[in-house]
Amino acid sequence: MQLNFSKTPVTIGECFLPREEMLNHLTEFETLYSQRPINDNQGGMKAPQAFYAWLVAKKLNPSVIIESGVWFGQGTWFFEKACPDSKIICIEPNQNVIRYRSSRASYTQKDFNTIHWDKEITDPMNALCFFDDHQNALARLPVLKNYGFKHTMFEDNYPVGRGDCVSLKSTLEKNMEEASIIQSFLDVYQEMPPPFKKQRTRWGDDWSQYPTHEPLLDSCESSSCYYEGSENYTWICYARIK
């Protein structure tokens, strides 16, 4: 399998979430976003990430959602709305920061990699593991593989030279030995495009420095959640374990 290390985003395998499907759900999500329990989710997911977390969960409809990195709890609420029948396991080391707690979720402070998942869930292949925890993404892959997980998302998927953790995106773009390690674990890797992007990135520089898919929207009203949260885009991705 050849990886493309041009200025376009790296992809592996098939397209899991077609662009048309993304476009078809923008209006529905914006309505849902207006009902969110936490208006100011500073430090957590805004619309560019929450949209894809919600949409992928909705598409998969997993029996279990494991959310590693809960912060205020807004993401948990979106997972509830996407999958009303799914069990949710919330991992958050700082439990005191959580503002929204779900009656359907269980909570733990343990790190994902230290939990014996074979004792916690019975159907890992039908689970969605969502990481918004600013930890080394590569270190998650062998654990996911070992327990039989298939579906995962990484929210902190920063490009080379940015972010505070090792991401799949930055590793794949470096075209080094570590990229082949990712390739050995995954049969699908898809970065989600920004719903909307302003003239400059969140760091004030030009978008051409960072391989990025074209945004879903060419223009956007300033009152739209996609406009207001556009600076928080983090190259969120879906990855499927072989």
Protein backbone atom coordinates (compact mmCIF):
# COMPACT_ATOMS: atom_id res chain seq x y z
CA MET A 1 0.00 0.00 0.00
CA GLN A 2 1.45 3.33 -1.03
CA LEU A 3 0.98 6.46 1.06
CA ASN A 4 0.74 9.84 -0.62
CA PHE A 5 3.13 12.33 0.93
CA SER A 6 2.28 15.26 -1.34
CA LYS A 7 0.68 18.49 -0.11
CA THR A 8 -2.69 16.76 -0.06
CA PRO A 9 -3.79 14.94 3.11
CA VAL A 10 -2.65 11.34 3.51
CA THR A 11 -5.38 8.73 3.24
CA ILE A 12 -5.37 4.98 3.76
CA GLY A 13 -7.95 2.63 2.28
CA GLU A 14 -11.53 3.39 1.36
CA CYS A 15 -13.55 6.51 2.10
CA PHE A 16 -15.54 5.78 5.24
CA LEU A 17 -17.56 9.00 5.29
CA PRO A 18 -18.38 10.44 1.82
CA ARG A 19 -18.39 14.19 1.39
CA GLU A 20 -22.04 14.15 0.24
CA GLU A 21 -23.03 12.49 3.50
CA MET A 22 -21.23 15.21 5.45
CA LEU A 23 -23.00 17.95 3.50
CA ASN A 24 -26.39 16.32 4.00
CA HIS A 25 -26.09 16.53 7.78
CA LEU A 26 -24.78 20.08 8.26
CA THR A 27 -28.20 21.67 8.84
CA GLU A 28 -29.39 18.93 11.19
CA PHE A 29 -26.28 19.25 13.32
CA GLU A 30 -26.43 23.04 13.47
CA THR A 31 -29.95 22.79 14.89
CA LEU A 32 -28.73 20.25 17.44
CA TYR A 33 -25.72 22.40 18.32
CA SER A 34 -28.02 25.28 19.27
CA GLN A 35 -29.50 23.00 21.97
CA ARG A 36 -26.16 21.98 23.53
CA PRO A 37 -26.00 22.07 27.32
CA ILE A 38 -22.74 24.06 27.54
CA ASN A 39 -22.58 27.29 25.57
CA ASP A 40 -18.93 28.07 26.24
CA ASN A 41 -16.95 24.85 25.84
CA GLN A 42 -13.55 26.53 25.97
CA GLY A 43 -10.82 23.91 25.93
CA GLY A 44 -13.20 21.27 24.56
CA MET A 45 -14.82 20.43 21.25
CA LYS A 46 -16.47 23.14 19.21
CA ALA A 47 -18.64 22.61 16.12
CA PRO A 48 -15.83 21.48 13.71
CA GLN A 49 -14.99 18.51 15.93
CA ALA A 50 -18.40 17.83 17.49
CA PHE A 51 -20.03 17.62 14.06
CA TYR A 52 -17.82 14.70 13.02
CA ALA A 53 -17.92 12.98 16.41
CA TRP A 54 -21.72 13.06 16.24
CA LEU A 55 -21.91 12.04 12.57
CA VAL A 56 -19.50 9.11 12.78
CA ALA A 57 -21.24 7.81 15.91
CA LYS A 58 -24.62 8.21 14.20
CA LYS A 59 -23.37 6.31 11.14
CA LEU A 60 -21.81 3.45 13.12
CA ASN A 61 -24.48 3.24 15.84
CA PRO A 62 -22.07 1.27 18.06
CA SER A 63 -23.14 -0.75 21.08
CA VAL A 64 -20.51 1.05 23.18
CA ILE A 65 -18.84 4.46 22.90
CA ILE A 66 -15.61 4.94 24.82
CA GLU A 67 -14.86 8.64 25.21
CA SER A 68 -11.31 9.25 26.39
CA GLY A 69 -11.10 12.89 27.41
CA VAL A 70 -14.47 14.20 28.56
CA TRP A 71 -13.59 17.70 29.79
CA PHE A 72 -16.88 19.52 30.54
CA GLY A 73 -18.99 16.69 29.11
CA GLN A 74 -20.31 18.31 25.94
CA GLY A 75 -19.06 15.46 23.76
CA THR A 76 -20.92 12.95 25.90
CA TRP A 77 -24.14 14.84 25.21
CA PHE A 78 -23.57 14.70 21.43
CA PHE A 79 -22.87 10.97 21.62
CA GLU A 80 -26.14 10.51 23.51
CA LYS A 81 -28.02 12.34 20.80
CA ALA A 82 -26.32 10.39 18.01
CA CYS A 83 -26.80 6.97 19.62
CA PRO A 84 -29.66 6.87 22.15
CA ASP A 85 -29.18 3.14 22.80
CA SER A 86 -25.40 3.02 23.12
CA LYS A 87 -23.57 2.44 26.38
CA ILE A 88 -21.06 5.22 27.06
CA ILE A 89 -17.83 4.87 29.04
CA CYS A 90 -16.29 8.22 29.94
CA ILE A 91 -12.61 8.55 30.80
CA GLU A 92 -11.56 11.81 32.45
CA PRO A 93 -8.64 12.16 34.91
CA ASN A 94 -10.05 15.40 36.34
CA GLN A 95 -13.58 14.43 37.32
CA ASN A 96 -14.21 17.77 39.03
CA VAL A 97 -14.19 19.61 35.71
CA ILE A 98 -17.19 17.72 34.29
CA ARG A 99 -20.33 19.88 34.06
CA TYR A 100 -22.64 17.55 32.12
CA ARG A 101 -22.93 13.99 33.41
CA SER A 102 -25.01 11.42 31.60
CA SER A 103 -27.20 8.99 33.54
CA ARG A 104 -26.41 6.45 30.83
CA ALA A 105 -22.63 6.73 31.17
CA SER A 106 -20.08 5.25 33.54
CA TYR A 107 -17.07 7.34 34.56
CA THR A 108 -13.46 6.48 35.34
CA GLN A 109 -10.16 8.29 35.86
CA LYS A 110 -8.06 5.43 34.49
CA ASP A 111 -6.12 5.86 31.26
CA PHE A 112 -7.48 3.94 28.27
CA ASN A 113 -4.28 1.91 27.93
CA THR A 114 -4.45 0.65 31.53
CA ILE A 115 -8.02 -0.70 31.44
CA HIS A 116 -8.65 -4.43 30.91
CA TRP A 117 -11.21 -3.99 28.16
CA ASP A 118 -11.86 -7.70 27.82
CA LYS A 119 -13.48 -7.49 31.26
CA GLU A 120 -15.44 -4.32 30.50
CA ILE A 121 -17.13 -4.96 27.15
CA THR A 122 -18.21 -8.05 25.24
CA ASP A 123 -18.24 -6.77 21.64
CA PRO A 124 -15.20 -4.55 20.95
CA MET A 125 -15.68 -4.79 17.18
CA ASN A 126 -18.97 -2.92 17.59
CA ALA A 127 -17.52 -0.17 19.77
CA LEU A 128 -16.34 3.35 18.91
CA CYS A 129 -13.23 4.62 20.72
CA PHE A 130 -13.03 8.41 20.66
CA PHE A 131 -9.78 10.05 21.80
CA ASP A 132 -9.71 13.70 22.83
CA ASP A 133 -7.09 13.26 25.52
CA HIS A 134 -3.89 14.79 24.11
CA GLN A 135 -1.97 11.52 24.43
CA ASN A 136 0.34 9.72 22.01
CA ALA A 137 -1.94 8.37 19.26
CA LEU A 138 0.60 5.78 18.12
CA ALA A 139 0.68 4.26 21.60
CA ARG A 140 -3.08 3.71 21.40
CA LEU A 141 -2.92 1.56 18.25
CA PRO A 142 -1.43 -1.67 19.67
CA VAL A 143 -3.84 -1.53 22.61
CA LEU A 144 -6.81 -1.10 20.27
CA LYS A 145 -5.57 -4.00 18.15
CA ASN A 146 -4.91 -6.23 21.16
CA TYR A 147 -8.48 -5.91 22.47
CA GLY A 148 -10.13 -6.30 19.08
CA PHE A 149 -11.40 -2.74 18.61
CA LYS A 150 -12.09 -1.66 15.02
CA HIS A 151 -13.50 1.87 15.01
CA THR A 152 -11.68 4.86 16.43
CA MET A 153 -11.42 8.62 16.10
CA PHE A 154 -8.64 10.99 17.10
CA GLU A 155 -9.65 14.59 17.75
CA ASP A 156 -6.16 15.97 18.50
CA ASN A 157 -4.83 15.09 15.06
CA TYR A 158 -2.46 18.00 14.52
CA PRO A 159 -0.08 18.48 11.56
CA VAL A 160 3.70 18.48 11.71
CA GLY A 161 5.08 21.06 14.10
CA ARG A 162 1.79 21.80 15.83
CA GLY A 163 -0.13 20.48 18.79
CA ASP A 164 0.93 19.02 22.12
CA CYS A 165 1.00 15.29 21.38
CA VAL A 166 2.11 12.73 18.81
CA SER A 167 -0.67 12.49 16.22
CA LEU A 168 -1.38 10.13 13.35
CA LYS A 169 -1.38 13.04 10.90
CA SER A 170 2.02 14.42 11.87
CA THR A 171 3.57 10.95 11.86
CA LEU A 172 2.18 10.05 8.44
CA GLU A 173 3.31 13.36 6.95
CA LYS A 174 6.89 12.90 8.08
CA ASN A 175 7.31 9.89 5.78
CA MET A 176 9.47 8.11 8.32
CA GLU A 177 9.60 4.63 9.80
CA GLU A 178 6.74 5.41 12.17
CA ALA A 179 4.41 5.92 9.19
CA SER A 180 4.81 2.27 8.23
CA ILE A 181 3.87 1.32 11.79
CA ILE A 182 0.56 3.16 11.43
CA GLN A 183 0.02 1.50 8.06
CA SER A 184 0.51 -1.92 9.63
CA PHE A 185 -2.33 -1.26 12.09
CA LEU A 186 -4.90 0.54 9.93
CA ASP A 187 -6.88 -0.34 6.83
CA VAL A 188 -8.72 3.02 6.80
CA TYR A 189 -7.49 6.49 7.74
CA GLN A 190 -9.61 9.49 6.77
CA GLU A 191 -9.13 13.09 7.84
CA MET A 192 -12.33 15.09 7.95
CA PRO A 193 -12.39 18.44 6.12
CA PRO A 194 -13.03 21.65 8.04
CA PRO A 195 -16.72 22.54 7.76
CA PHE A 196 -15.56 26.11 7.10
CA LYS A 197 -12.19 27.80 7.25
CA LYS A 198 -11.30 31.45 7.64
CA GLN A 199 -8.50 33.15 5.77
CA ARG A 200 -5.85 32.11 8.31
CA THR A 201 -5.31 29.09 10.52
CA ARG A 202 -5.67 29.11 14.30
CA TRP A 203 -1.97 30.03 14.45
CA GLY A 204 -2.37 33.00 12.10
CA ASP A 205 -0.46 31.49 9.18
CA ASP A 206 -1.44 30.25 5.72
CA TRP A 207 -3.41 27.04 5.21
CA SER A 208 -1.07 25.92 2.41
CA GLN A 209 1.49 24.88 5.04
CA TYR A 210 -0.81 22.15 6.32
CA PRO A 211 -2.24 19.45 4.01
CA THR A 212 -5.99 19.94 4.42
CA HIS A 213 -9.08 18.85 2.52
CA GLU A 214 -11.24 21.57 1.02
CA PRO A 215 -13.87 22.86 3.46
CA LEU A 216 -17.48 21.75 3.15
CA LEU A 217 -18.71 25.34 2.97
CA ASP A 218 -17.34 28.07 0.68
CA SER A 219 -19.11 30.79 2.63
CA CYS A 220 -20.69 30.92 6.05
CA GLU A 221 -22.87 33.35 8.01
CA SER A 222 -21.08 34.79 11.03
CA SER A 223 -23.97 33.55 13.18
CA SER A 224 -23.33 29.94 12.14
CA CYS A 225 -21.67 27.55 14.58
CA TYR A 226 -19.34 26.53 11.77
CA TYR A 227 -18.09 30.10 11.43
CA GLU A 228 -17.73 30.74 15.15
CA GLY A 229 -15.81 27.54 15.80
CA SER A 230 -13.78 27.38 12.61
CA GLU A 231 -10.52 28.37 14.31
CA ASN A 232 -10.76 25.24 16.47
CA TYR A 233 -10.42 22.73 13.62
CA THR A 234 -7.90 20.00 14.52
CA TRP A 235 -7.83 17.65 11.49
CA ILE A 236 -10.06 15.19 13.35
CA CYS A 237 -9.86 11.73 11.78
CA TYR A 238 -11.57 8.36 11.62
CA ALA A 239 -9.34 5.28 11.64
CA ARG A 240 -10.26 1.61 11.33
CA ILE A 241 -8.04 -1.07 12.83
CA LYS A 242 -7.21 -4.06 10.62
